[in-house]
Protein backbone atom coordinates (compact mmCIF):
# COMPACT_ATOMS: atom_id res chain seq x y z
CA MET A 1 0.29 20.60 -23.91
CA VAL A 2 0.69 17.00 -22.78
CA ASP A 3 1.25 15.83 -26.36
CA ALA A 4 3.93 18.50 -26.76
CA LEU A 5 5.74 16.95 -23.80
CA GLY A 6 5.65 13.50 -25.42
CA LEU A 7 3.56 11.94 -22.65
CA ASP A 8 0.92 9.24 -23.08
CA PRO A 9 -1.10 10.05 -19.98
CA PHE A 10 -3.90 8.78 -17.80
CA PHE A 11 -5.94 11.26 -15.75
CA ARG A 12 -7.78 11.02 -12.42
CA GLY A 13 -10.19 13.64 -11.11
CA THR A 14 -10.30 13.38 -7.31
CA PRO A 15 -10.19 15.25 -4.03
CA ILE A 16 -6.60 15.85 -2.93
CA GLY A 17 -5.30 12.96 -0.81
CA PHE A 18 -8.29 10.69 -1.49
CA ASN A 19 -7.11 7.07 -1.66
CA GLY A 20 -10.28 5.77 -3.30
CA SER A 21 -13.63 4.51 -2.15
CA ASN A 22 -14.17 1.50 0.07
CA ALA A 23 -14.70 -0.56 -3.10
CA THR A 24 -11.41 0.69 -4.58
CA GLN A 25 -9.62 -0.23 -1.36
CA ARG A 26 -11.23 -3.69 -1.36
CA ILE A 27 -10.50 -4.61 -4.98
CA GLY A 28 -7.26 -2.63 -5.35
CA ILE A 29 -8.09 -1.21 -8.79
CA THR A 30 -7.98 2.54 -9.44
CA PRO A 31 -10.16 3.93 -12.23
CA VAL A 32 -8.41 6.48 -14.46
CA MET A 33 -9.44 8.26 -17.63
CA THR A 34 -7.79 8.52 -21.00
CA GLU A 35 -9.49 11.86 -21.67
CA PRO A 36 -8.63 14.94 -19.55
CA ARG A 37 -12.04 16.56 -20.03
CA VAL A 38 -13.74 13.57 -18.40
CA ALA A 39 -11.30 13.64 -15.49
CA THR A 40 -12.06 17.36 -15.11
CA ILE A 41 -15.76 16.54 -14.76
CA PHE A 42 -14.93 13.97 -12.07
CA ALA A 43 -12.73 16.53 -10.31
CA ASN A 44 -15.52 19.09 -10.44
CA HIS A 45 -17.89 16.61 -8.79
CA SER A 46 -15.17 15.68 -6.28
CA SER A 47 -14.95 19.29 -5.15
CA ASN A 48 -18.07 18.53 -3.11
CA TYR A 49 -15.80 16.44 -0.85
CA GLY A 50 -12.71 18.62 -0.60
CA GLU A 51 -10.23 20.49 -2.76
CA ALA A 52 -10.18 18.72 -6.12
CA VAL A 53 -7.38 18.08 -8.59
CA VAL A 54 -6.81 16.34 -11.91
CA GLN A 55 -3.85 14.01 -11.47
CA ILE A 56 -1.75 13.08 -14.52
CA PHE A 57 0.09 9.77 -14.77
CA ASP A 58 2.47 8.76 -17.56
CA LYS A 59 1.19 5.49 -19.03
CA GLY A 60 4.77 4.50 -19.86
CA ALA A 61 5.67 4.52 -16.15
CA ILE A 62 2.98 1.94 -15.33
CA ASP A 63 3.60 -1.77 -15.89
CA SER A 64 1.35 -2.63 -18.85
CA SER A 65 0.17 -5.83 -17.12
CA LYS A 66 -1.48 -3.60 -14.50
CA ILE A 67 -3.60 -1.73 -17.08
CA LEU A 68 -7.05 -3.32 -17.22
CA ASP A 69 -10.17 -2.86 -19.31
CA GLY A 70 -12.63 -0.37 -17.89
CA ASN A 71 -16.03 -1.10 -16.40
CA VAL A 72 -19.39 -1.11 -18.21
CA LEU A 73 -19.23 2.69 -18.52
CA ALA A 74 -15.71 2.68 -19.97
CA SER A 75 -16.74 3.75 -23.45
CA PHE A 76 -18.72 6.72 -22.08
CA GLU A 77 -16.22 7.77 -19.44
CA ASN A 78 -13.02 6.97 -21.36
CA LYS A 79 -12.05 4.86 -18.36
CA VAL A 80 -9.58 2.04 -17.71
CA GLY A 81 -8.51 0.39 -14.48
CA ILE A 82 -5.04 0.29 -12.97
CA ASP A 83 -4.34 -2.73 -10.77
CA MET A 84 -2.99 -0.69 -7.85
CA LEU A 85 -4.29 1.68 -5.19
CA PRO A 86 -4.45 5.42 -5.89
CA ASN A 87 -1.65 6.29 -3.45
CA ASP A 88 0.65 3.79 -5.22
CA LEU A 89 0.29 5.57 -8.58
CA ARG A 90 3.13 7.94 -9.35
């Protein structure tokens, strides 16, 4: 569906309104996934902390200099970092 819309998306599985962990707030980098199935797993886990959602962000709307390599689990979690806080992503 997303490909049909011509989007190149990032995904984030999270409780609704969650602006990231204390570590995310401290370093200002939001982890996002390149694979929707992985974000769905994160959202499923997040449902333990409130109503969960998979957010979709258009990669083209994010300044490419803010897109960072993922952490040590990046290859397993299809994860990259965005150099901004979750509430700043649109």
